[in-house]
Amino acid sequence: MRELIFAFQFMTRLPMPRVAGFTPLRQARAAGWFPVVGLVVGALVAVPLLLVPDPRLAALLALVVWVGVTGGLHLDGLADLADALGATHSAAQGDRERFLAVLADPHIGSFGVIAVLLQLLAKFVLLWLLAETPAAWWTVPVIAAWARFGALFWGRFLPPLKASGLGVAWRGGRRVTLVWGVTLLALCAVVSPVLLIAPLGVVAWWAFLRVRVGGMTGDCLGAGIELIEVGLLFGVLSIVA
């Protein structure tokens, strides 16, 4: 239970009880609860889609909940990665030291601003369309769970770009990653077969980070969460619309 609380404290801004014993080992074990965090985040986002009759207002409220509950943590990672890639074009071809320096810079640049604006706009439009699709709101919790499973997968199967940092500290085990992958596939097969496409997105982002960046950091994981969420929303709407 303590590891679950740790995971919620890190991945969300939801009020959680304070617990002691926040060791590196417990932090790594807490990563195994990321998909559960995703299910809860997605359920909260789905509430306006279910209860608010106007699809535009429902989408806006859902987006506000999404950003508010996560505290913009993953959007920050997306902005940092966009700035780093924009400054060096690619980690493989550009200056690796500059890439890491821009990635660690707390200030946001033009590439980061553009990425965040496009991401928010994409989510708003996709949530709007989802609100107009009968009974499709239930896919949001599963989408959010898959995105956070992605963070678990990428953190486990990509080399860290830095010796320390969030990407290393929250690195879960192989067994729990495999168990969650099978569990989510089984869940999709029963209640949302359309989301069986999710592993394709997870593997695609793994391949991008491996080839283009050469590894991962916490920012890379956060960016991946955002992109998987948008990609799966688009995929659901493409199939069920």
C-alpha atoms as a PDB file:
ATOM      1  CA  MET A   1       0.000   0.000   0.000  1.00  0.00           C
ATOM      2  CA  ARG A   2       2.877   2.364   0.754  1.00  0.00           C
ATOM      3  CA  GLU A   3       4.272   1.944  -2.756  1.00  0.00           C
ATOM      4  CA  LEU A   4       0.841   2.689  -4.229  1.00  0.00           C
ATOM      5  CA  ILE A   5       0.692   5.931  -2.258  1.00  0.00           C
ATOM      6  CA  PHE A   6       4.190   6.813  -3.466  1.00  0.00           C
ATOM      7  CA  ALA A   7       3.080   6.285  -7.066  1.00  0.00           C
ATOM      8  CA  PHE A   8       0.054   8.549  -6.636  1.00  0.00           C
ATOM      9  CA  GLN A   9       2.146  11.211  -4.911  1.00  0.00           C
ATOM     10  CA  PHE A  10       4.589  11.288  -7.799  1.00  0.00           C
ATOM     11  CA  MET A  11       2.234  10.914 -10.783  1.00  0.00           C
ATOM     12  CA  THR A  12      -0.682  13.054  -9.569  1.00  0.00           C
ATOM     13  CA  ARG A  13      -1.636  16.019  -7.437  1.00  0.00           C
ATOM     14  CA  LEU A  14      -4.347  14.075  -5.645  1.00  0.00           C
ATOM     15  CA  PRO A  15      -4.225  14.433  -1.835  1.00  0.00           C
ATOM     16  CA  MET A  16      -2.480  11.446  -0.307  1.00  0.00           C
ATOM     17  CA  PRO A  17      -1.541  10.563   3.262  1.00  0.00           C
ATOM     18  CA  ARG A  18       2.064  11.204   4.189  1.00  0.00           C
ATOM     19  CA  VAL A  19       4.049   8.017   4.639  1.00  0.00           C
ATOM     20  CA  ALA A  20       7.583   7.426   5.871  1.00  0.00           C
ATOM     21  CA  GLY A  21      10.271   5.155   4.487  1.00  0.00           C
ATOM     22  CA  PHE A  22      10.613   6.621   0.997  1.00  0.00           C
ATOM     23  CA  THR A  23      13.670   4.552   0.022  1.00  0.00           C
ATOM     24  CA  PRO A  24      15.076   4.026  -3.500  1.00  0.00           C
ATOM     25  CA  LEU A  25      13.907   0.392  -3.387  1.00  0.00           C
ATOM     26  CA  ARG A  26      10.347   1.400  -2.491  1.00  0.00           C
ATOM     27  CA  GLN A  27      10.447   4.071  -5.169  1.00  0.00           C
ATOM     28  CA  ALA A  28      11.358   1.488  -7.799  1.00  0.00           C
ATOM     29  CA  ARG A  29       8.623  -0.858  -6.565  1.00  0.00           C
ATOM     30  CA  ALA A  30       6.117   2.002  -6.682  1.00  0.00           C
ATOM     31  CA  ALA A  31       6.605   2.194 -10.451  1.00  0.00           C
ATOM     32  CA  GLY A  32       4.735  -1.091 -10.660  1.00  0.00           C
ATOM     33  CA  TRP A  33       1.589   0.783  -9.638  1.00  0.00           C
ATOM     34  CA  PHE A  34       1.744   3.297 -12.506  1.00  0.00           C
ATOM     35  CA  PRO A  35      -1.049   1.587 -14.510  1.00  0.00           C
ATOM     36  CA  VAL A  36      -3.342   1.754 -11.469  1.00  0.00           C
ATOM     37  CA  VAL A  37      -2.643   5.464 -11.250  1.00  0.00           C
ATOM     38  CA  GLY A  38      -3.572   5.698 -14.912  1.00  0.00           C
ATOM     39  CA  LEU A  39      -6.891   3.951 -14.360  1.00  0.00           C
ATOM     40  CA  VAL A  40      -7.800   6.423 -11.610  1.00  0.00           C
ATOM     41  CA  VAL A  41      -6.659   9.464 -13.595  1.00  0.00           C
ATOM     42  CA  GLY A  42      -8.598   8.272 -16.632  1.00  0.00           C
ATOM     43  CA  ALA A  43     -11.713   7.616 -14.564  1.00  0.00           C
ATOM     44  CA  LEU A  44     -11.634  11.165 -13.216  1.00  0.00           C
ATOM     45  CA  VAL A  45     -11.160  12.573 -16.726  1.00  0.00           C
ATOM     46  CA  ALA A  46     -14.098  10.498 -17.975  1.00  0.00           C
ATOM     47  CA  VAL A  47     -16.536  11.946 -15.411  1.00  0.00           C
ATOM     48  CA  PRO A  48     -17.260  15.192 -17.346  1.00  0.00           C
ATOM     49  CA  LEU A  49     -17.590  13.211 -20.583  1.00  0.00           C
ATOM     50  CA  LEU A  50     -20.235  11.062 -18.905  1.00  0.00           C
ATOM     51  CA  LEU A  51     -22.147  13.724 -16.963  1.00  0.00           C
ATOM     52  CA  VAL A  52     -21.915  16.993 -18.922  1.00  0.00           C
ATOM     53  CA  PRO A  53     -24.413  17.050 -21.820  1.00  0.00           C
ATOM     54  CA  ASP A  54     -22.674  19.675 -23.972  1.00  0.00           C
ATOM     55  CA  PRO A  55     -19.707  17.924 -25.681  1.00  0.00           C
ATOM     56  CA  ARG A  56     -17.636  21.109 -25.966  1.00  0.00           C
ATOM     57  CA  LEU A  57     -17.989  21.928 -22.287  1.00  0.00           C
ATOM     58  CA  ALA A  58     -17.464  18.282 -21.367  1.00  0.00           C
ATOM     59  CA  ALA A  59     -14.217  18.218 -23.357  1.00  0.00           C
ATOM     60  CA  LEU A  60     -12.981  21.436 -21.772  1.00  0.00           C
ATOM     61  CA  LEU A  61     -13.736  20.227 -18.248  1.00  0.00           C
ATOM     62  CA  ALA A  62     -12.161  16.847 -18.973  1.00  0.00           C
ATOM     63  CA  LEU A  63      -9.001  18.555 -20.212  1.00  0.00           C
ATOM     64  CA  VAL A  64      -8.869  20.770 -17.123  1.00  0.00           C
ATOM     65  CA  VAL A  65      -9.222  17.689 -14.920  1.00  0.00           C
ATOM     66  CA  TRP A  66      -6.503  15.892 -16.902  1.00  0.00           C
ATOM     67  CA  VAL A  67      -4.019  18.722 -16.489  1.00  0.00           C
ATOM     68  CA  GLY A  68      -5.048  19.479 -12.916  1.00  0.00           C
ATOM     69  CA  VAL A  69      -4.845  15.920 -11.631  1.00  0.00           C
ATOM     70  CA  THR A  70      -1.430  15.308 -13.188  1.00  0.00           C
ATOM     71  CA  GLY A  71      -0.133  18.790 -12.389  1.00  0.00           C
ATOM     72  CA  GLY A  72       1.156  19.152 -15.937  1.00  0.00           C
ATOM     73  CA  LEU A  73       4.011  16.795 -15.049  1.00  0.00           C
ATOM     74  CA  HIS A  74       4.004  14.941 -18.358  1.00  0.00           C
ATOM     75  CA  LEU A  75       3.403  18.108 -20.370  1.00  0.00           C
ATOM     76  CA  ASP A  76       6.583  19.464 -18.818  1.00  0.00           C
ATOM     77  CA  GLY A  77       8.453  16.392 -20.026  1.00  0.00           C
ATOM     78  CA  LEU A  78       7.014  16.839 -23.515  1.00  0.00           C
ATOM     79  CA  ALA A  79       8.114  20.482 -23.576  1.00  0.00           C
ATOM     80  CA  ASP A  80      11.635  19.677 -22.371  1.00  0.00           C
ATOM     81  CA  LEU A  81      12.089  16.885 -24.897  1.00  0.00           C
ATOM     82  CA  ALA A  82      10.768  19.052 -27.740  1.00  0.00           C
ATOM     83  CA  ASP A  83      13.231  21.796 -26.829  1.00  0.00           C
ATOM     84  CA  ALA A  84      16.129  19.334 -26.616  1.00  0.00           C
ATOM     85  CA  LEU A  85      15.304  17.695 -29.955  1.00  0.00           C
ATOM     86  CA  GLY A  86      14.739  21.077 -31.557  1.00  0.00           C
ATOM     87  CA  ALA A  87      18.092  22.353 -30.326  1.00  0.00           C
ATOM     88  CA  THR A  88      20.070  19.351 -31.540  1.00  0.00           C
ATOM     89  CA  HIS A  89      17.791  17.822 -34.227  1.00  0.00           C
ATOM     90  CA  SER A  90      18.599  14.345 -32.879  1.00  0.00           C
ATOM     91  CA  ALA A  91      20.648  12.850 -30.105  1.00  0.00           C
ATOM     92  CA  ALA A  92      22.387  10.577 -32.592  1.00  0.00           C
ATOM     93  CA  GLN A  93      23.503  13.349 -34.918  1.00  0.00           C
ATOM     94  CA  GLY A  94      23.657  16.344 -32.620  1.00  0.00           C
ATOM     95  CA  ASP A  95      25.711  17.230 -29.592  1.00  0.00           C
ATOM     96  CA  ARG A  96      24.789  14.802 -26.793  1.00  0.00           C
ATOM     97  CA  GLU A  97      25.994  17.147 -24.057  1.00  0.00           C
ATOM     98  CA  ARG A  98      23.904  19.993 -25.438  1.00  0.00           C
ATOM     99  CA  PHE A  99      20.910  17.677 -25.751  1.00  0.00           C
ATOM    100  CA  LEU A 100      21.125  16.740 -22.079  1.00  0.00           C
ATOM    101  CA  ALA A 101      21.768  20.340 -21.049  1.00  0.00           C
ATOM    102  CA  VAL A 102      18.667  21.615 -22.861  1.00  0.00           C
ATOM    103  CA  LEU A 103      16.659  18.672 -21.514  1.00  0.00           C
ATOM    104  CA  ALA A 104      17.635  19.614 -17.951  1.00  0.00           C
ATOM    105  CA  ASP A 105      17.005  23.341 -18.433  1.00  0.00           C
ATOM    106  CA  PRO A 106      13.921  24.325 -16.366  1.00  0.00           C
ATOM    107  CA  HIS A 107      13.059  27.132 -18.813  1.00  0.00           C
ATOM    108  CA  ILE A 108      10.746  26.422 -21.725  1.00  0.00           C
ATOM    109  CA  GLY A 109      11.725  27.394 -25.269  1.00  0.00           C
ATOM    110  CA  SER A 110       9.796  27.953 -28.466  1.00  0.00           C
ATOM    111  CA  PHE A 111       9.788  24.264 -29.424  1.00  0.00           C
ATOM    112  CA  GLY A 112       8.405  23.350 -26.019  1.00  0.00           C
ATOM    113  CA  VAL A 113       5.673  25.998 -26.180  1.00  0.00           C
ATOM    114  CA  ILE A 114       4.575  24.790 -29.609  1.00  0.00           C
ATOM    115  CA  ALA A 115       4.556  21.142 -28.483  1.00  0.00           C
ATOM    116  CA  VAL A 116       2.442  21.847 -25.390  1.00  0.00           C
ATOM    117  CA  LEU A 117      -0.035  24.028 -27.281  1.00  0.00           C
ATOM    118  CA  LEU A 118      -0.472  21.403 -29.994  1.00  0.00           C
ATOM    119  CA  GLN A 119      -0.832  18.668 -27.387  1.00  0.00           C
ATOM    120  CA  LEU A 120      -3.540  20.533 -25.466  1.00  0.00           C
ATOM    121  CA  LEU A 121      -5.368  21.435 -28.655  1.00  0.00           C
ATOM    122  CA  ALA A 122      -5.234  17.838 -29.854  1.00  0.00           C
ATOM    123  CA  LYS A 123      -6.565  16.527 -26.545  1.00  0.00           C
ATOM    124  CA  PHE A 124      -9.378  19.072 -26.493  1.00  0.00           C
ATOM    125  CA  VAL A 125     -10.537  18.216 -30.014  1.00  0.00           C
ATOM    126  CA  LEU A 126     -10.249  14.464 -29.429  1.00  0.00           C
ATOM    127  CA  LEU A 127     -12.117  14.671 -26.115  1.00  0.00           C
ATOM    128  CA  TRP A 128     -14.794  16.742 -27.830  1.00  0.00           C
ATOM    129  CA  LEU A 129     -15.234  14.060 -30.493  1.00  0.00           C
ATOM    130  CA  LEU A 130     -15.166  11.361 -27.827  1.00  0.00           C
ATOM    131  CA  ALA A 131     -17.915  13.142 -25.898  1.00  0.00           C
ATOM    132  CA  GLU A 132     -20.048  12.988 -29.052  1.00  0.00           C
ATOM    133  CA  THR A 133     -19.432   9.247 -29.470  1.00  0.00           C
ATOM    134  CA  PRO A 134     -21.978   7.148 -27.544  1.00  0.00           C
ATOM    135  CA  ALA A 135     -20.520   5.129 -24.666  1.00  0.00           C
ATOM    136  CA  ALA A 136     -16.910   5.768 -25.713  1.00  0.00           C
ATOM    137  CA  TRP A 137     -15.966   7.619 -22.522  1.00  0.00           C
ATOM    138  CA  TRP A 138     -15.115   4.292 -20.832  1.00  0.00           C
ATOM    139  CA  THR A 139     -12.027   3.953 -23.018  1.00  0.00           C
ATOM    140  CA  VAL A 140     -10.308   6.887 -21.264  1.00  0.00           C
ATOM    141  CA  PRO A 141      -9.288   5.016 -18.074  1.00  0.00           C
ATOM    142  CA  VAL A 142      -7.798   2.181 -20.133  1.00  0.00           C
ATOM    143  CA  ILE A 143      -5.977   4.690 -22.357  1.00  0.00           C
ATOM    144  CA  ALA A 144      -4.452   6.407 -19.330  1.00  0.00           C
ATOM    145  CA  ALA A 145      -3.438   3.040 -17.880  1.00  0.00           C
ATOM    146  CA  TRP A 146      -1.705   2.005 -21.129  1.00  0.00           C
ATOM    147  CA  ALA A 147       0.176   5.316 -21.258  1.00  0.00           C
ATOM    148  CA  ARG A 148       1.541   4.776 -17.756  1.00  0.00           C
ATOM    149  CA  PHE A 149       2.324   1.171 -18.524  1.00  0.00           C
ATOM    150  CA  GLY A 150       4.394   2.663 -21.314  1.00  0.00           C
ATOM    151  CA  ALA A 151       6.429   4.612 -18.768  1.00  0.00           C
ATOM    152  CA  LEU A 152       6.995   1.371 -16.864  1.00  0.00           C
ATOM    153  CA  PHE A 153       8.035  -0.427 -20.074  1.00  0.00           C
ATOM    154  CA  TRP A 154      10.328   2.320 -21.401  1.00  0.00           C
ATOM    155  CA  GLY A 155      11.980   2.794 -18.029  1.00  0.00           C
ATOM    156  CA  ARG A 156      12.682  -0.928 -17.811  1.00  0.00           C
ATOM    157  CA  PHE A 157      13.871  -1.603 -21.357  1.00  0.00           C
ATOM    158  CA  LEU A 158      15.763   1.567 -22.269  1.00  0.00           C
ATOM    159  CA  PRO A 159      19.175   2.606 -20.968  1.00  0.00           C
ATOM    160  CA  PRO A 160      19.163   5.762 -18.837  1.00  0.00           C
ATOM    161  CA  LEU A 161      20.816   8.818 -20.368  1.00  0.00           C
ATOM    162  CA  LYS A 162      21.814  10.030 -16.911  1.00  0.00           C
ATOM    163  CA  ALA A 163      23.279   8.081 -14.015  1.00  0.00           C
ATOM    164  CA  SER A 164      20.651   9.522 -11.690  1.00  0.00           C
ATOM    165  CA  GLY A 165      17.271  11.141 -12.095  1.00  0.00           C
ATOM    166  CA  LEU A 166      13.585  10.296 -12.257  1.00  0.00           C
ATOM    167  CA  GLY A 167      13.991   7.864 -15.126  1.00  0.00           C
ATOM    168  CA  VAL A 168      16.377   5.744 -13.055  1.00  0.00           C
ATOM    169  CA  ALA A 169      14.703   6.192  -9.667  1.00  0.00           C
ATOM    170  CA  TRP A 170      11.304   4.999 -10.911  1.00  0.00           C
ATOM    171  CA  ARG A 171      12.575   1.998 -12.871  1.00  0.00           C
ATOM    172  CA  GLY A 172      10.301  -0.984 -12.208  1.00  0.00           C
ATOM    173  CA  GLY A 173      11.115  -4.669 -12.490  1.00  0.00           C
ATOM    174  CA  ARG A 174      10.849  -6.929 -15.532  1.00  0.00           C
ATOM    175  CA  ARG A 175       8.333  -9.278 -13.933  1.00  0.00           C
ATOM    176  CA  VAL A 176       5.864  -6.585 -12.914  1.00  0.00           C
ATOM    177  CA  THR A 177       6.173  -5.018 -16.376  1.00  0.00           C
ATOM    178  CA  LEU A 178       5.323  -8.342 -18.022  1.00  0.00           C
ATOM    179  CA  VAL A 179       2.417  -8.968 -15.629  1.00  0.00           C
ATOM    180  CA  TRP A 180       0.903  -5.565 -16.327  1.00  0.00           C
ATOM    181  CA  GLY A 181       1.297  -5.977 -20.072  1.00  0.00           C
ATOM    182  CA  VAL A 182      -0.585  -9.280 -20.016  1.00  0.00           C
ATOM    183  CA  THR A 183      -3.199  -7.888 -17.624  1.00  0.00           C
ATOM    184  CA  LEU A 184      -3.965  -4.863 -19.771  1.00  0.00           C
ATOM    185  CA  LEU A 185      -4.150  -6.978 -22.919  1.00  0.00           C
ATOM    186  CA  ALA A 186      -6.614  -9.302 -21.197  1.00  0.00           C
ATOM    187  CA  LEU A 187      -8.651  -6.319 -19.976  1.00  0.00           C
ATOM    188  CA  CYS A 188      -8.809  -4.880 -23.482  1.00  0.00           C
ATOM    189  CA  ALA A 189      -9.786  -8.222 -24.981  1.00  0.00           C
ATOM    190  CA  VAL A 190     -12.761  -8.394 -22.611  1.00  0.00           C
ATOM    191  CA  VAL A 191     -14.019  -4.814 -22.360  1.00  0.00           C
ATOM    192  CA  SER A 192     -12.301  -2.708 -25.037  1.00  0.00           C
ATOM    193  CA  PRO A 193     -10.845  -4.694 -27.965  1.00  0.00           C
ATOM    194  CA  VAL A 194     -10.235  -1.462 -29.859  1.00  0.00           C
ATOM    195  CA  LEU A 195      -7.369  -0.712 -27.458  1.00  0.00           C
ATOM    196  CA  LEU A 196      -5.474  -3.852 -28.373  1.00  0.00           C
ATOM    197  CA  ILE A 197      -3.609  -1.453 -30.671  1.00  0.00           C
ATOM    198  CA  ALA A 198      -1.976   0.124 -27.591  1.00  0.00           C
ATOM    199  CA  PRO A 199       1.182  -2.041 -27.554  1.00  0.00           C
ATOM    200  CA  LEU A 200       2.011  -0.776 -31.041  1.00  0.00           C
ATOM    201  CA  GLY A 201       2.229   2.784 -29.734  1.00  0.00           C
ATOM    202  CA  VAL A 202       4.252   1.733 -26.696  1.00  0.00           C
ATOM    203  CA  VAL A 203       6.769  -0.141 -28.840  1.00  0.00           C
ATOM    204  CA  ALA A 204       6.892   2.689 -31.399  1.00  0.00           C
ATOM    205  CA  TRP A 205       7.905   5.214 -28.717  1.00  0.00           C
ATOM    206  CA  TRP A 206      10.458   2.748 -27.342  1.00  0.00           C
ATOM    207  CA  ALA A 207      11.951   2.456 -30.831  1.00  0.00           C
ATOM    208  CA  PHE A 208      12.010   6.234 -31.289  1.00  0.00           C
ATOM    209  CA  LEU A 209      13.813   6.791 -28.001  1.00  0.00           C
ATOM    210  CA  ARG A 210      16.222   3.958 -28.716  1.00  0.00           C
ATOM    211  CA  VAL A 211      17.149   5.117 -32.219  1.00  0.00           C
ATOM    212  CA  ARG A 212      16.742   8.867 -32.073  1.00  0.00           C
ATOM    213  CA  VAL A 213      17.605   9.677 -28.466  1.00  0.00           C
ATOM    214  CA  GLY A 214      19.683   6.683 -27.414  1.00  0.00           C
ATOM    215  CA  GLY A 215      17.934   6.068 -24.105  1.00  0.00           C
ATOM    216  CA  MET A 216      15.519   7.650 -21.678  1.00  0.00           C
ATOM    217  CA  THR A 217      15.112  10.168 -18.900  1.00  0.00           C
ATOM    218  CA  GLY A 218      12.096  11.128 -16.816  1.00  0.00           C
ATOM    219  CA  ASP A 219      11.236  13.782 -19.406  1.00  0.00           C
ATOM    220  CA  CYS A 220      11.249  11.150 -22.163  1.00  0.00           C
ATOM    221  CA  LEU A 221       8.848   9.006 -20.157  1.00  0.00           C
ATOM    222  CA  GLY A 222       6.531  11.950 -19.498  1.00  0.00           C
ATOM    223  CA  ALA A 223       6.536  12.925 -23.168  1.00  0.00           C
ATOM    224  CA  GLY A 224       5.707   9.356 -24.102  1.00  0.00           C
ATOM    225  CA  ILE A 225       2.739   9.294 -21.734  1.00  0.00           C
ATOM    226  CA  GLU A 226       1.305  12.390 -23.385  1.00  0.00           C
ATOM    227  CA  LEU A 227       1.833  11.099 -26.917  1.00  0.00           C
ATOM    228  CA  ILE A 228       0.412   7.642 -26.175  1.00  0.00           C
ATOM    229  CA  GLU A 229      -2.706   9.236 -24.700  1.00  0.00           C
ATOM    230  CA  VAL A 230      -3.286  11.341 -27.809  1.00  0.00           C
ATOM    231  CA  GLY A 231      -2.416   8.481 -30.131  1.00  0.00           C
ATOM    232  CA  LEU A 232      -4.852   6.084 -28.468  1.00  0.00           C
ATOM    233  CA  LEU A 233      -7.623   8.680 -28.365  1.00  0.00           C
ATOM    234  CA  PHE A 234      -7.141   9.157 -32.088  1.00  0.00           C
ATOM    235  CA  GLY A 235      -7.037   5.409 -32.650  1.00  0.00           C
ATOM    236  CA  VAL A 236     -10.271   4.837 -30.739  1.00  0.00           C
ATOM    237  CA  LEU A 237     -12.077   7.560 -32.645  1.00  0.00           C
ATOM    238  CA  SER A 238     -10.761   6.287 -35.975  1.00  0.00           C
ATOM    239  CA  ILE A 239     -12.199   2.843 -35.301  1.00  0.00           C
ATOM    240  CA  VAL A 240     -15.461   3.534 -33.454  1.00  0.00           C
ATOM    241  CA  ALA A 241     -16.507   6.762 -35.194  1.00  0.00           C
END
